[in-house]
């Protein structure tokens, strides 16, 4: 047989430590997995690219119209009028937010907590409402209320 540098140990059995448990194949493979030096960088880029909307300031005429509709609905709470509410949801991570719309029957309006609650439990802050339309419960069509100048 030819003289190789490791001939003396080549046929010896594999050593198993008595002090340390054998590492699983999964843990051994993890040692050689790619290293992400910029961990979270792609998430940060995605968050920066995510678009938000700016809250639109309502003028006095729009605020007056919204308050009038709220009073009309409050006067008919026992009928549980169907409404469509568009409201602003501030973003928790960056400036701005998004507008959402929810529809349903009104359960209550609270001037103390400044909220409107629908029958399905959905609660919206009165301060975040940008549009409030009464809907026809049969057809789902929105109405402009009793305002002639809408």
Protein backbone atom coordinates (compact mmCIF):
# COMPACT_ATOMS: atom_id res chain seq x y z
CA UNK A 1 0.00 0.00 0.00
CA UNK A 2 1.17 3.47 -0.80
CA UNK A 3 2.24 5.82 1.99
CA UNK A 4 -0.42 8.53 2.47
CA UNK A 5 -0.30 11.08 5.29
CA UNK A 6 -3.51 9.79 6.98
CA UNK A 7 -3.15 6.05 6.59
CA UNK A 8 -2.82 5.61 10.34
CA UNK A 9 -6.29 7.10 11.09
CA UNK A 10 -8.29 6.46 7.93
CA UNK A 11 -9.93 3.26 9.17
CA UNK A 12 -10.55 4.32 12.78
CA UNK A 13 -14.20 4.58 13.96
CA UNK A 14 -15.79 8.05 14.15
CA UNK A 15 -15.30 9.69 17.55
CA UNK A 16 -18.47 10.34 19.61
CA UNK A 17 -18.08 12.71 22.55
CA UNK A 18 -19.25 11.61 26.00
CA UNK A 19 -19.60 15.22 27.18
CA UNK A 20 -21.42 16.91 24.31
CA UNK A 21 -24.58 15.68 22.55
CA UNK A 22 -24.28 15.07 18.84
CA UNK A 23 -25.48 17.97 16.70
CA UNK A 24 -28.52 17.29 14.53
CA UNK A 25 -28.10 17.32 10.75
CA UNK A 26 -30.39 20.35 10.58
CA UNK A 27 -28.20 22.33 12.99
CA UNK A 28 -25.07 21.29 11.14
CA UNK A 29 -26.59 22.42 7.84
CA UNK A 30 -27.59 25.77 9.38
CA UNK A 31 -23.93 26.55 9.99
CA UNK A 32 -23.44 26.72 6.25
CA UNK A 33 -26.61 28.64 5.32
CA UNK A 34 -26.22 32.06 3.69
CA UNK A 35 -25.64 34.92 6.10
CA UNK A 36 -28.07 37.86 5.80
CA UNK A 37 -25.85 40.80 6.69
CA UNK A 38 -28.69 43.24 6.09
CA UNK A 39 -31.40 41.36 7.97
CA UNK A 40 -34.64 43.36 7.73
CA UNK A 41 -33.33 45.62 4.99
CA UNK A 42 -35.83 44.36 2.41
CA UNK A 43 -38.64 44.87 4.93
CA UNK A 44 -37.49 48.47 5.51
CA UNK A 45 -37.43 49.13 1.76
CA UNK A 46 -40.91 47.64 1.36
CA UNK A 47 -42.21 49.81 4.24
CA UNK A 48 -40.68 52.95 2.75
CA UNK A 49 -42.27 52.21 -0.63
CA UNK A 50 -45.72 51.61 0.91
CA UNK A 51 -48.02 54.49 0.00
CA UNK A 52 -50.21 56.35 2.46
CA UNK A 53 -52.80 59.04 1.88
CA UNK A 54 -52.84 62.45 3.52
CA UNK A 55 -55.86 63.33 5.61
CA UNK A 56 -58.02 65.79 3.70
CA UNK A 57 -59.17 68.79 5.71
CA UNK A 58 -62.89 69.44 5.41
CA UNK A 59 -64.15 72.97 4.90
CA UNK A 60 -66.92 74.56 7.01
CA UNK A 61 -69.64 73.69 4.51
CA UNK A 62 -68.63 69.98 4.45
CA UNK A 63 -68.47 69.88 8.26
CA UNK A 64 -71.89 71.50 8.52
CA UNK A 65 -73.36 68.98 6.04
CA UNK A 66 -71.79 66.06 7.95
CA UNK A 67 -73.12 67.35 11.30
CA UNK A 68 -76.60 67.78 9.80
CA UNK A 69 -76.58 64.17 8.54
CA UNK A 70 -75.40 62.91 11.93
CA UNK A 71 -78.27 64.77 13.63
CA UNK A 72 -80.80 63.35 11.13
CA UNK A 73 -79.54 59.82 11.78
CA UNK A 74 -79.45 60.37 15.56
CA UNK A 75 -83.11 61.46 15.44
CA UNK A 76 -84.02 58.12 13.83
CA UNK A 77 -81.81 55.73 15.84
CA UNK A 78 -84.81 53.59 16.80
CA UNK A 79 -85.20 52.77 13.07
CA UNK A 80 -81.52 51.71 12.80
CA UNK A 81 -80.93 53.54 9.50
CA UNK A 82 -78.56 51.98 6.97
CA UNK A 83 -75.46 54.09 6.33
CA UNK A 84 -72.20 54.08 4.45
CA UNK A 85 -69.35 55.73 6.39
CA UNK A 86 -66.04 56.77 4.86
CA UNK A 87 -63.43 57.43 7.52
CA UNK A 88 -59.71 58.02 7.87
CA UNK A 89 -57.46 55.46 9.59
CA UNK A 90 -54.09 56.95 10.65
CA UNK A 91 -51.06 54.80 9.84
CA UNK A 92 -49.18 53.53 12.90
CA UNK A 93 -45.77 53.53 11.23
CA UNK A 94 -45.55 56.62 9.05
CA UNK A 95 -47.33 59.91 8.33
CA UNK A 96 -50.69 59.67 6.63
CA UNK A 97 -53.06 56.73 6.55
CA UNK A 98 -55.89 55.42 4.43
CA UNK A 99 -59.57 56.01 3.86
CA UNK A 100 -61.91 53.08 4.43
CA UNK A 101 -65.64 52.65 3.96
CA UNK A 102 -67.95 50.57 6.10
CA UNK A 103 -71.70 50.06 5.71
CA UNK A 104 -74.38 48.84 8.05
CA UNK A 105 -77.27 49.71 10.33
CA UNK A 106 -76.59 52.34 13.01
CA UNK A 107 -76.92 51.06 16.55
CA UNK A 108 -75.85 54.15 18.49
CA UNK A 109 -74.14 57.53 18.35
CA UNK A 110 -72.24 58.63 21.44
CA UNK A 111 -71.46 62.31 21.91
CA UNK A 112 -69.41 61.45 25.02
CA UNK A 113 -67.00 59.00 23.35
CA UNK A 114 -67.56 60.72 19.96
CA UNK A 115 -68.25 57.43 18.16
CA UNK A 116 -70.87 55.89 15.92
CA UNK A 117 -71.50 52.16 16.40
CA UNK A 118 -73.11 49.89 13.83
CA UNK A 119 -75.27 46.86 14.62
CA UNK A 120 -72.42 44.49 13.70
CA UNK A 121 -70.25 46.07 16.42
CA UNK A 122 -68.11 48.23 14.11
CA UNK A 123 -67.21 51.53 15.84
CA UNK A 124 -65.94 54.63 14.05
CA UNK A 125 -64.67 57.85 15.62
CA UNK A 126 -66.82 60.83 14.66
CA UNK A 127 -63.63 62.89 14.28
CA UNK A 128 -62.33 60.57 11.53
CA UNK A 129 -65.50 60.53 9.37
CA UNK A 130 -65.10 62.24 6.02
CA UNK A 131 -68.39 61.14 4.41
CA UNK A 132 -71.65 59.78 5.75
CA UNK A 133 -74.38 58.64 3.39
CA UNK A 134 -77.67 57.01 4.18
CA UNK A 135 -78.23 53.91 2.08
CA UNK A 136 -81.47 52.33 0.96
CA UNK A 137 -81.57 49.06 2.90
CA UNK A 138 -83.35 47.27 0.05
CA UNK A 139 -81.21 48.37 -2.89
CA UNK A 140 -77.97 49.38 -1.18
CA UNK A 141 -78.07 52.71 -3.07
CA UNK A 142 -76.69 55.76 -1.30
CA UNK A 143 -78.84 58.80 -0.79
CA UNK A 144 -77.78 62.35 -0.15
CA UNK A 145 -80.16 62.82 2.74
CA UNK A 146 -82.51 65.80 2.83
CA UNK A 147 -79.96 68.32 1.53
CA UNK A 148 -81.17 70.02 -1.63
CA UNK A 149 -77.75 71.55 -2.34
CA UNK A 150 -75.63 68.37 -2.28
